[in-house]
Protein backbone atom coordinates (compact mmCIF):
# COMPACT_ATOMS: atom_id res chain seq x y z
CA MET A 1 0.00 0.00 0.00
CA SER A 2 1.48 3.35 -0.96
CA ARG A 3 2.42 5.90 1.64
CA PRO A 4 0.49 9.20 1.43
CA PRO A 5 2.34 12.50 1.15
CA ARG A 6 3.84 13.82 4.36
CA GLU A 7 2.35 17.02 5.73
CA THR A 8 4.63 19.99 6.30
CA ASP A 9 4.63 23.23 8.25
CA ALA A 10 6.61 26.45 8.23
CA ALA A 11 9.27 25.25 10.64
CA ALA A 12 9.57 21.61 9.62
CA GLU A 13 9.55 20.50 6.03
CA PRO A 14 10.79 17.64 3.85
CA LYS A 15 13.60 18.42 1.46
CA ALA A 16 13.72 18.35 -2.30
CA GLY A 17 16.91 18.14 -4.28
CA ARG A 18 20.48 17.16 -3.59
CA ARG A 19 23.10 18.91 -1.48
CA ALA A 20 25.07 21.78 -2.99
CA SER A 21 28.17 20.90 -4.97
CA GLN A 22 30.38 23.22 -2.91
CA ARG A 23 30.25 24.36 0.69
CA PRO A 24 29.55 28.12 1.00
CA THR A 25 32.49 30.24 2.16
CA ILE A 26 32.89 33.45 4.11
CA ARG A 27 33.52 35.15 0.76
CA ASP A 28 30.05 34.04 -0.41
CA VAL A 29 28.51 35.51 2.75
CA SER A 30 30.34 38.82 2.35
CA ARG A 31 29.22 39.14 -1.27
CA LEU A 32 25.57 38.36 -0.50
CA ALA A 33 25.51 40.74 2.48
CA GLY A 34 27.47 43.45 0.65
CA VAL A 35 30.07 43.77 3.42
CA SER A 36 33.73 42.85 3.85
CA ARG A 37 34.89 39.43 5.02
CA MET A 38 36.31 41.13 8.11
CA THR A 39 32.83 42.40 8.95
CA VAL A 40 31.39 38.90 8.53
CA SER A 41 34.06 37.52 10.85
CA ARG A 42 33.32 40.20 13.40
CA VAL A 43 29.57 39.47 13.31
CA LEU A 44 30.26 35.79 13.92
CA SER A 45 32.82 36.28 16.69
CA ASP A 46 31.86 39.61 18.35
CA PRO A 47 28.38 40.56 17.13
CA GLU A 48 27.95 43.32 19.70
CA LEU A 49 30.71 45.29 17.96
CA VAL A 50 28.72 45.55 14.72
CA LEU A 51 25.83 47.91 13.97
CA PRO A 52 22.46 46.13 14.27
CA ALA A 53 21.47 46.78 10.63
CA THR A 54 24.78 45.37 9.35
CA ARG A 55 24.63 42.45 11.73
CA GLU A 56 21.12 41.61 10.52
CA LYS A 57 22.24 41.63 6.86
CA VAL A 58 25.15 39.30 7.62
CA LEU A 59 23.07 36.87 9.69
CA LYS A 60 20.41 36.75 6.96
CA ALA A 61 23.09 35.92 4.39
CA VAL A 62 24.47 33.22 6.70
CA ALA A 63 21.01 31.66 7.06
CA ASP A 64 20.14 31.93 3.36
CA LEU A 65 23.39 30.23 2.31
CA GLY A 66 23.46 27.65 5.10
CA TYR A 67 26.98 28.87 5.93
CA VAL A 68 28.76 27.32 8.92
CA PRO A 69 32.17 28.64 10.09
CA ASP A 70 34.92 26.01 9.86
CA LYS A 71 36.53 25.87 13.30
CA THR A 72 39.14 23.39 12.12
CA ALA A 73 40.39 25.40 9.12
CA GLY A 74 43.37 26.87 10.93
CA SER A 75 44.63 23.59 12.32
CA LEU A 76 44.11 21.11 9.50
CA SER A 77 45.97 21.06 6.20
CA SER A 78 43.76 18.46 4.48
CA ARG A 79 40.04 17.83 4.08
CA ARG A 80 40.18 14.58 6.04
CA THR A 81 39.15 14.70 9.68
CA GLY A 82 38.19 11.04 10.14
CA PHE A 83 34.90 11.98 11.86
CA ILE A 84 31.31 11.08 10.93
CA ALA A 85 28.58 13.13 12.64
CA LEU A 86 25.60 11.20 14.03
CA MET A 87 22.50 13.08 15.23
CA LEU A 88 20.06 11.10 17.40
CA PRO A 89 16.82 12.21 19.09
CA THR A 90 17.79 10.58 22.42
CA LEU A 91 20.52 8.49 24.00
CA THR A 92 18.15 6.56 26.30
CA ASN A 93 16.46 4.53 23.55
CA ALA A 94 18.10 1.12 23.05
CA ASN A 95 17.29 1.10 19.34
CA PHE A 96 19.20 4.30 18.70
CA ALA A 97 22.09 2.88 20.73
CA ALA A 98 21.94 -0.16 18.40
CA VAL A 99 22.20 2.17 15.40
CA ALA A 100 25.32 3.77 16.88
CA HIS A 101 26.85 0.32 17.55
CA GLY A 102 26.15 -0.89 14.03
CA LEU A 103 27.43 2.30 12.47
CA THR A 104 30.60 2.19 14.57
CA GLU A 105 31.17 -1.44 13.61
CA ALA A 106 30.98 -0.66 9.89
CA LEU A 107 33.08 2.52 10.07
CA ARG A 108 35.83 1.16 12.32
CA GLU A 109 37.39 -0.92 9.54
CA ALA A 110 37.83 2.22 7.43
CA ASP A 111 39.27 4.17 10.40
CA TYR A 112 36.34 6.56 10.80
CA HIS A 113 34.97 7.62 14.18
CA LEU A 114 31.62 9.00 15.36
CA LEU A 115 30.78 12.42 16.77
CA ILE A 116 27.38 11.93 18.43
CA ALA A 117 24.87 14.64 19.35
CA TYR A 118 21.28 14.29 20.57
CA THR A 119 18.27 16.60 20.35
CA ASP A 120 15.61 15.34 22.81
CA TYR A 121 13.18 15.54 19.86
CA ASP A 122 13.61 19.34 19.79
CA MET A 123 13.97 20.69 16.25
CA ALA A 124 15.54 23.95 17.42
CA GLU A 125 18.13 21.93 19.32
CA GLU A 126 18.75 19.84 16.21
CA GLU A 127 19.57 23.00 14.27
CA ARG A 128 21.92 24.23 17.01
CA GLN A 129 23.69 20.87 17.31
CA LEU A 130 23.98 20.58 13.54
CA ARG A 131 25.70 23.96 13.36
CA ASN A 132 28.16 22.85 16.05
CA LEU A 133 28.88 19.54 14.31
CA LEU A 134 29.37 21.09 10.88
CA ALA A 135 31.81 23.61 12.36
CA ARG A 136 34.06 20.66 13.20
CA ARG A 137 34.04 19.56 9.57
CA PRO A 138 32.77 15.96 9.65
CA GLU A 139 33.28 13.95 6.49
CA ALA A 140 29.62 12.83 6.46
CA ILE A 141 26.43 13.45 8.42
CA VAL A 142 23.89 10.87 9.61
CA LEU A 143 20.70 12.14 11.21
CA THR A 144 17.48 10.56 12.37
CA GLY A 145 14.27 11.27 10.53
CA ALA A 146 13.38 13.44 7.58
CA MET A 147 11.78 16.50 9.17
CA HIS A 148 14.07 19.46 9.85
CA ARG A 149 13.77 23.20 10.26
CA ARG A 150 14.33 25.25 7.13
CA ASN A 151 17.72 26.58 8.25
CA ALA A 152 18.88 23.06 9.17
CA SER A 153 17.90 21.83 5.71
CA ARG A 154 19.87 24.65 4.12
CA MET A 155 22.94 23.80 6.15
CA LEU A 156 22.68 20.14 5.19
CA MET A 157 22.26 20.87 1.50
CA ALA A 158 25.23 23.25 1.60
CA ALA A 159 27.49 21.00 3.66
CA ASP A 160 29.35 19.44 0.68
CA VAL A 161 29.60 16.08 2.47
CA PRO A 162 27.43 12.93 2.19
CA VAL A 163 24.15 13.21 4.12
CA VAL A 164 22.16 10.12 5.17
CA GLU A 165 18.76 10.34 6.87
CA ILE A 166 17.88 7.18 8.82
CA ALA A 167 14.88 5.52 10.53
CA ASP A 168 12.41 7.00 8.05
CA LEU A 169 11.61 6.81 4.33
CA PRO A 170 11.27 10.35 2.95
CA SER A 171 10.01 10.59 -0.61
CA GLN A 172 12.53 13.37 -1.26
CA PRO A 173 15.61 12.90 0.94
CA ILE A 174 18.33 15.53 1.10
CA GLU A 175 20.61 12.93 -0.43
CA HIS A 176 20.38 9.34 0.85
CA ALA A 177 17.90 7.64 3.19
CA ILE A 178 18.03 4.25 4.92
CA GLY A 179 15.06 3.27 7.03
CA PHE A 180 11.48 2.10 7.08
CA SER A 181 8.02 3.57 6.74
CA ASN A 182 6.77 4.67 10.14
CA TYR A 183 3.40 5.23 8.50
CA GLN A 184 3.39 1.57 7.47
CA VAL A 185 4.29 0.53 11.03
CA GLY A 186 1.03 2.11 12.20
CA ARG A 187 -1.02 0.51 9.45
CA THR A 188 0.57 -2.89 10.10
CA ALA A 189 -0.21 -2.68 13.83
CA ALA A 190 -3.82 -1.68 13.24
CA ARG A 191 -4.36 -4.38 10.62
CA TYR A 192 -2.87 -7.00 12.96
CA LEU A 193 -5.34 -6.08 15.74
CA LEU A 194 -8.24 -5.87 13.29
CA ASP A 195 -7.41 -9.34 11.96
CA ARG A 196 -7.59 -10.69 15.52
CA GLY A 197 -11.24 -9.56 15.63
CA PHE A 198 -10.95 -6.41 17.79
CA THR A 199 -13.16 -3.40 17.08
CA ARG A 200 -12.66 -1.14 20.12
CA ILE A 201 -9.00 -0.41 19.49
CA GLY A 202 -6.77 2.24 21.06
CA ALA A 203 -3.23 3.56 20.76
CA LEU A 204 -0.78 5.45 22.98
CA ALA A 205 1.66 8.16 21.86
CA ALA A 206 3.16 11.45 23.00
CA SER A 207 1.46 14.75 22.17
CA PRO A 208 3.14 17.12 19.70
CA ASP A 209 4.40 20.15 21.62
CA GLY A 210 5.74 22.83 19.31
CA GLU A 211 9.40 22.19 18.52
CA VAL A 212 9.41 19.05 20.72
CA THR A 213 7.68 16.49 18.54
CA ASP A 214 8.33 12.84 17.74
CA HIS A 215 7.56 13.09 14.01
CA ARG A 216 8.25 9.40 13.42
CA GLY A 217 5.85 8.46 16.22
CA GLU A 218 3.24 10.78 14.74
CA GLU A 219 3.61 9.00 11.40
CA ARG A 220 2.91 5.69 13.16
CA MET A 221 -0.23 7.14 14.72
CA ARG A 222 -1.34 8.59 11.38
CA GLY A 223 -0.98 5.19 9.70
CA PHE A 224 -2.80 3.52 12.61
CA GLU A 225 -5.72 5.95 12.41
CA ASP A 226 -5.96 5.64 8.62
CA GLU A 227 -6.21 1.85 8.85
CA LEU A 228 -8.98 2.11 11.46
CA ARG A 229 -10.87 4.56 9.25
CA LEU A 230 -10.62 2.20 6.28
CA SER A 231 -12.46 -0.35 8.44
CA ARG A 232 -14.99 2.33 9.45
CA LEU A 233 -13.90 2.20 13.10
CA SER A 234 -13.59 5.06 15.55
CA THR A 235 -10.19 6.68 16.19
CA ASP A 236 -11.36 8.24 19.47
CA ARG A 237 -9.27 5.77 21.48
CA VAL A 238 -6.03 6.85 19.78
CA PHE A 239 -4.67 8.69 22.79
CA ARG A 240 -1.87 11.28 22.83
CA HIS A 241 -0.54 12.05 26.29
CA GLY A 242 2.54 13.85 27.65
CA THR A 243 5.53 14.79 25.49
CA ALA A 244 8.42 12.97 23.80
CA PRO A 245 10.52 11.06 24.57
CA VAL A 246 8.18 8.31 25.77
CA SER A 247 9.06 6.04 28.68
CA PHE A 248 7.67 3.36 31.01
CA HIS A 249 6.12 6.17 33.06
CA HIS A 250 4.57 7.67 29.94
CA GLY A 251 2.95 4.36 29.04
CA ALA A 252 1.59 3.83 32.54
CA ALA A 253 0.13 7.33 32.81
CA ALA A 254 -1.28 7.29 29.28
CA PHE A 255 -2.84 3.85 29.78
CA ARG A 256 -4.62 4.87 32.97
CA ALA A 257 -5.92 8.06 31.34
CA LEU A 258 -7.13 6.12 28.30
CA VAL A 259 -8.90 3.41 30.29
CA GLU A 260 -10.55 5.96 32.58
CA GLN A 261 -12.03 7.68 29.53
CA TYR A 262 -12.66 4.54 27.45
CA PRO A 263 -13.08 1.55 29.80
CA ASP A 264 -14.37 -0.56 26.90
CA VAL A 265 -11.03 -0.61 25.01
CA GLU A 266 -10.17 -4.18 23.96
CA ALA A 267 -6.71 -3.81 22.44
CA LEU A 268 -4.10 -1.13 21.95
CA PHE A 269 -0.88 -0.31 20.14
CA ALA A 270 1.82 1.78 21.82
CA VAL A 271 4.15 3.96 19.76
CA SER A 272 7.15 2.30 21.45
CA ASP A 273 7.81 -0.82 23.49
CA LEU A 274 8.74 1.53 26.33
CA SER A 275 5.19 2.86 26.50
CA ALA A 276 3.76 -0.61 25.88
CA VAL A 277 5.65 -2.10 28.84
CA GLY A 278 4.52 0.79 31.04
CA ALA A 279 0.94 0.11 29.93
CA VAL A 280 1.27 -3.60 30.75
CA MET A 281 2.56 -2.77 34.24
CA GLU A 282 -0.20 -0.25 34.89
CA ALA A 283 -2.88 -2.64 33.62
CA GLN A 284 -1.65 -5.30 36.04
CA ARG A 285 -1.63 -2.80 38.91
CA MET A 286 -5.26 -1.99 38.02
CA GLY A 287 -6.15 -5.70 38.25
CA LEU A 288 -6.55 -6.20 34.49
CA ARG A 289 -5.35 -9.43 32.91
CA ILE A 290 -3.28 -9.40 29.73
CA PRO A 291 -4.33 -10.53 27.22
CA GLU A 292 -7.65 -11.81 28.65
CA ASP A 293 -9.00 -8.34 29.54
CA ILE A 294 -6.96 -6.23 27.14
CA SER A 295 -4.35 -7.01 24.45
CA ILE A 296 -1.28 -4.75 24.12
CA MET A 297 1.38 -4.51 21.41
CA GLY A 298 4.33 -2.18 20.86
CA PHE A 299 7.06 -1.21 18.45
CA GLY A 300 10.82 -1.74 18.64
CA ASP A 301 11.36 -5.22 20.11
CA PHE A 302 13.17 -3.95 23.20
CA GLU A 303 14.75 -6.55 25.46
CA ILE A 304 12.40 -5.80 28.35
CA GLY A 305 9.43 -6.59 26.13
CA ARG A 306 10.79 -10.09 25.62
CA GLU A 307 11.26 -10.62 29.37
CA ILE A 308 8.06 -9.30 30.95
CA ASN A 309 5.10 -11.59 31.64
CA PRO A 310 3.28 -11.91 29.36
CA ALA A 311 5.93 -11.25 26.71
CA LEU A 312 5.12 -8.34 24.43
CA THR A 313 3.91 -8.65 20.85
CA THR A 314 5.75 -6.02 18.85
CA ILE A 315 6.89 -4.78 15.44
CA LEU A 316 10.58 -5.36 14.78
CA VAL A 317 13.02 -3.25 12.79
CA ASP A 318 16.66 -4.37 13.00
CA PHE A 319 18.25 -1.10 14.09
CA ARG A 320 21.74 -2.54 14.45
CA ALA A 321 21.60 -3.81 10.86
CA LEU A 322 20.31 -0.39 9.83
CA GLY A 323 23.42 1.17 11.40
CA VAL A 324 25.74 -1.34 9.71
CA ARG A 325 24.14 -0.72 6.33
CA THR A 326 24.45 3.04 6.80
CA GLY A 327 28.13 2.72 7.70
CA LYS A 328 28.87 0.57 4.66
CA MET A 329 27.12 3.07 2.41
CA LEU A 330 29.20 5.91 3.88
CA VAL A 331 32.48 4.04 3.44
CA ASP A 332 31.56 3.50 -0.20
CA LEU A 333 30.49 7.12 -0.70
CA LEU A 334 33.65 8.51 0.89
CA ALA A 335 35.86 6.31 -1.29
CA ARG A 336 34.36 7.74 -4.48
CA ASP A 337 35.65 10.75 -6.41
CA THR A 338 32.13 11.71 -7.57
CA PRO A 339 28.86 11.59 -5.58
CA LEU A 340 26.24 8.93 -6.21
CA SER A 341 22.68 9.81 -7.17
CA PRO A 342 20.29 10.09 -4.19
CA SER A 343 19.13 6.68 -2.96
CA ILE A 344 16.41 5.33 -0.65
CA VAL A 345 16.85 1.95 1.09
CA ASP A 346 13.92 0.25 2.87
CA VAL A 347 15.15 -2.17 5.58
CA GLY A 348 11.64 -3.47 6.18
CA LEU A 349 9.72 -4.49 9.32
CA ARG A 350 7.92 -7.53 10.70
CA ILE A 351 5.57 -8.50 13.51
CA ILE A 352 6.90 -10.57 16.43
CA GLU A 353 3.95 -12.44 17.93
CA ARG A 354 4.06 -13.13 21.66
CA ALA A 355 1.58 -13.66 24.48
CA SER A 356 0.33 -10.09 25.09
CA VAL A 357 -2.17 -10.25 22.20
CA LYS A 358 -4.86 -12.90 21.73
CA ASP A 359 -7.56 -13.56 19.18
CA LYS A 360 -10.81 -12.10 20.38
């Protein structure tokens, strides 16, 4: 089933086109702003010494070009730094740790090393961290997801290094993408529960909160809701609660709030195994039996989901393999004299059936 177009907004948008062929320089900024290179340098190092009108012109040129000062230019005589930048939404999620392990494993043989930053799902923080990483001149950039602020997209397209977006499948990546359809995760989960005979079906996710939004989780919920609508079922029990990142506590609190409002819910899908496990624990504290009273499934195949009782039905994506595949692609890209055409790689997903879901 095809994936519908992704919605955009003014701050977060998908990208069209490939990265620029050459990284913008301070000379480009000075020309666009109509000031000297010395003035540009002064704005970037001591902005309070520059008249506000001039400072505004320079900063607008910097943003329009996606220019990032090169903090290593004075100390390095070659383009090689040996570093690959990796941007993750959180360091507490085991799947993102698996990506970093797989990526490290693939890069180590070619003597590349990771610079890791995290954003806490905050798009403004992603932009700030990206600027800091680019200033250290990585040889490639790997970042999670395909939604970025406009200035971040400009910086990425102007970076003049390979860019790989992971854990999503954008229709128009900046350059390369390796991941899976989060929208399809949601549809797969809903179809699985529908096929078991459930009709009063719920879901748990975080609420979007301005810049702090789990866009991949929202795509899962969108797919889930669309599949319910296709079966002419209500989406009222699709429950957004709290903010990203989700956790055991999030799942417990969201489950209790959902059940208090919709005590007739028969089955639910949680946006992550973390929330699903929290929901299982809260259900048991409330005296509900799983799966006899309510069936619960998650996403991610976290270790704790395999060990709780009953074990958690989930949707699996091999994040470590995703990291390895990304690393191998980067090694190949960095060994080439000319860039490859943009590519999109789908690593797929599958359902792991365990005891937390039953046939109705």
